[in-house]
């Protein structure tokens, strides 16, 4: 017996799904006019064989079309002390602010920026895109990756940043 479909308000959806703890990533790419990137909360491992990850940029993103055009990107899993980076990369590019100002990075294997001090990084080539309503579901084929196990991740829960994981035992 099914439940009839009803109208779920975006505000209620955001509030209820905010109870799911997620990490925060910054998706970066190298473009002819310099590095670009944006903050993203909807990131997940998708497949081990082939190695795939997914994330979902908003359809209103002005950065995602430029990253898509580059064909390669890096998923930077932010560490606990990267709240400022998360906020900085969440800003709209229409403000003319350089999101990379004061942010140290090195080029990854694809040339996409790997931000200094991240908990993990995943260098990818665009595999495919799918309709995700008001978002696009982007799938990347993993080309290379690395992690710093001692770096705790930046977590997001009910509209706030936090760290709830214990450090790894040596």
Protein backbone atom coordinates (compact mmCIF):
# COMPACT_ATOMS: atom_id res chain seq x y z
CA UNK A 1 0.00 0.00 0.00
CA UNK A 2 1.55 3.26 -1.13
CA UNK A 3 1.44 6.66 0.43
CA UNK A 4 -0.08 9.32 -1.82
CA UNK A 5 2.41 11.82 -3.16
CA UNK A 6 2.13 15.19 -1.49
CA UNK A 7 3.86 18.51 -1.83
CA UNK A 8 7.05 18.55 0.22
CA UNK A 9 8.23 22.07 0.86
CA UNK A 10 11.90 22.84 0.17
CA UNK A 11 12.25 24.34 3.66
CA UNK A 12 10.96 21.17 5.36
CA UNK A 13 13.07 18.98 3.07
CA UNK A 14 16.22 20.98 3.96
CA UNK A 15 15.43 20.87 7.69
CA UNK A 16 14.73 17.13 7.81
CA UNK A 17 17.64 16.09 5.57
CA UNK A 18 19.91 18.36 7.60
CA UNK A 19 19.83 15.56 10.18
CA UNK A 20 22.16 13.59 7.91
CA UNK A 21 25.79 14.38 8.68
CA UNK A 22 27.88 15.04 5.59
CA UNK A 23 31.36 16.12 4.76
CA UNK A 24 32.22 19.20 2.75
CA UNK A 25 34.26 19.17 -0.44
CA UNK A 26 35.61 21.81 -2.78
CA UNK A 27 35.52 20.80 -6.44
CA UNK A 28 38.38 22.46 -8.35
CA UNK A 29 39.62 22.63 -11.93
CA UNK A 30 42.35 24.28 -13.97
CA UNK A 31 41.02 26.65 -16.61
CA UNK A 32 42.89 28.81 -19.14
CA UNK A 33 42.21 31.94 -17.04
CA UNK A 34 43.25 30.31 -13.77
CA UNK A 35 42.00 27.87 -11.15
CA UNK A 36 38.30 27.71 -10.26
CA UNK A 37 36.25 25.86 -7.67
CA UNK A 38 33.10 25.66 -5.59
CA UNK A 39 31.98 24.20 -2.26
CA UNK A 40 29.75 21.12 -2.44
CA UNK A 41 28.03 19.12 0.29
CA UNK A 42 26.49 16.41 -1.91
CA UNK A 43 29.44 14.13 -2.65
CA UNK A 44 29.60 10.34 -2.53
CA UNK A 45 31.63 7.32 -3.57
CA UNK A 46 29.69 5.63 -6.36
CA UNK A 47 31.58 2.61 -7.72
CA UNK A 48 34.79 0.69 -7.04
CA UNK A 49 34.96 -0.96 -10.47
CA UNK A 50 35.21 1.26 -12.40
CA UNK A 51 36.30 3.77 -9.76
CA UNK A 52 33.60 6.48 -9.78
CA UNK A 53 32.48 9.30 -7.49
CA UNK A 54 29.49 11.62 -7.73
CA UNK A 55 28.57 15.12 -6.63
CA UNK A 56 25.69 17.44 -7.41
CA UNK A 57 26.28 21.08 -8.38
CA UNK A 58 23.26 23.38 -8.45
CA UNK A 59 21.86 24.13 -11.90
CA UNK A 60 22.36 27.81 -11.04
CA UNK A 61 26.12 27.32 -10.58
CA UNK A 62 28.18 29.51 -12.87
CA UNK A 63 31.34 27.58 -11.95
CA UNK A 64 30.19 24.06 -12.84
CA UNK A 65 29.82 24.73 -16.61
CA UNK A 66 33.43 25.94 -16.69
CA UNK A 67 34.64 22.89 -14.76
CA UNK A 68 32.60 20.64 -17.06
CA UNK A 69 34.26 22.24 -20.09
CA UNK A 70 37.72 21.49 -18.65
CA UNK A 71 36.85 17.78 -18.53
CA UNK A 72 38.87 17.16 -15.34
CA UNK A 73 38.50 18.16 -11.71
CA UNK A 74 39.67 17.42 -8.20
CA UNK A 75 37.42 16.70 -5.24
CA UNK A 76 39.09 18.19 -2.14
CA UNK A 77 37.70 16.70 1.11
CA UNK A 78 38.02 19.58 3.55
CA UNK A 79 39.68 19.09 6.94
CA UNK A 80 38.25 20.24 10.26
CA UNK A 81 40.10 23.57 10.19
CA UNK A 82 38.84 24.48 6.69
CA UNK A 83 35.58 26.24 7.59
CA UNK A 84 36.89 29.50 6.13
CA UNK A 85 37.80 27.73 2.87
CA UNK A 86 34.33 26.17 2.71
CA UNK A 87 32.68 29.56 3.13
CA UNK A 88 35.07 31.22 0.67
CA UNK A 89 34.46 28.72 -2.12
CA UNK A 90 30.69 28.89 -1.53
CA UNK A 91 30.67 32.53 -2.66
CA UNK A 92 29.29 33.38 -6.08
CA UNK A 93 31.85 34.11 -8.78
CA UNK A 94 29.66 37.03 -9.85
CA UNK A 95 31.15 39.04 -6.96
CA UNK A 96 34.48 39.11 -8.81
CA UNK A 97 36.30 37.74 -5.75
CA UNK A 98 39.22 35.39 -6.38
CA UNK A 99 38.28 32.31 -4.35
CA UNK A 100 41.91 31.14 -4.46
CA UNK A 101 43.30 34.35 -2.90
CA UNK A 102 45.34 33.25 0.12
CA UNK A 103 44.60 29.53 -0.48
CA UNK A 104 47.68 27.35 -0.95
CA UNK A 105 47.44 24.54 -3.49
CA UNK A 106 49.41 22.41 -5.90
CA UNK A 107 48.38 20.98 -9.25
CA UNK A 108 47.10 17.39 -9.11
CA UNK A 109 47.79 14.83 -11.83
CA UNK A 110 45.12 16.34 -14.11
CA UNK A 111 46.29 19.88 -13.36
CA UNK A 112 43.27 20.57 -11.14
CA UNK A 113 44.16 22.19 -7.80
CA UNK A 114 44.72 20.02 -4.74
CA UNK A 115 44.20 22.33 -1.76
CA UNK A 116 46.88 22.21 0.96
CA UNK A 117 45.97 20.37 4.14
CA UNK A 118 42.87 18.57 2.88
CA UNK A 119 41.78 15.32 4.50
CA UNK A 120 41.70 13.62 1.08
CA UNK A 121 41.74 14.46 -2.62
CA UNK A 122 40.31 12.64 -5.63
CA UNK A 123 41.49 13.61 -9.13
CA UNK A 124 38.88 12.80 -11.79
CA UNK A 125 37.85 12.97 -15.42
CA UNK A 126 34.20 13.73 -16.15
CA UNK A 127 32.44 10.40 -16.77
CA UNK A 128 28.81 11.49 -17.24
CA UNK A 129 26.05 13.82 -16.07
CA UNK A 130 22.43 13.14 -15.15
CA UNK A 131 19.34 15.20 -14.41
CA UNK A 132 18.96 15.79 -10.69
CA UNK A 133 16.05 18.24 -10.56
CA UNK A 134 17.43 21.61 -9.49
CA UNK A 135 20.92 20.04 -9.46
CA UNK A 136 23.05 18.15 -11.96
CA UNK A 137 24.42 14.77 -10.86
CA UNK A 138 28.02 14.73 -12.06
CA UNK A 139 29.97 11.48 -12.13
CA UNK A 140 33.75 11.45 -12.24
CA UNK A 141 36.08 8.59 -13.07
CA UNK A 142 38.83 8.51 -10.47
CA UNK A 143 42.29 8.89 -12.00
CA UNK A 144 44.32 9.28 -8.80
CA UNK A 145 43.69 9.99 -5.13
CA UNK A 146 45.34 10.40 -1.77
CA UNK A 147 44.55 10.97 1.90
CA UNK A 148 46.05 12.35 5.10
CA UNK A 149 44.56 10.03 7.78
CA UNK A 150 45.66 12.35 10.60
CA UNK A 151 43.52 15.19 9.17
CA UNK A 152 39.98 14.99 10.61
CA UNK A 153 37.23 15.93 8.13
CA UNK A 154 35.06 19.03 8.24
CA UNK A 155 31.52 17.86 8.97
CA UNK A 156 28.20 19.59 8.38
CA UNK A 157 25.08 18.88 10.45
CA UNK A 158 21.81 20.82 10.73
CA UNK A 159 23.27 23.96 9.17
CA UNK A 160 26.47 24.00 11.22
CA UNK A 161 30.06 22.92 10.86
CA UNK A 162 31.54 20.53 13.37
CA UNK A 163 33.86 17.65 14.09
CA UNK A 164 32.43 14.61 15.82
CA UNK A 165 34.94 11.93 14.83
CA UNK A 166 37.68 10.82 17.17
CA UNK A 167 41.24 11.08 15.82
CA UNK A 168 42.67 7.80 14.49
CA UNK A 169 44.57 5.69 17.00
CA UNK A 170 48.28 5.25 16.29
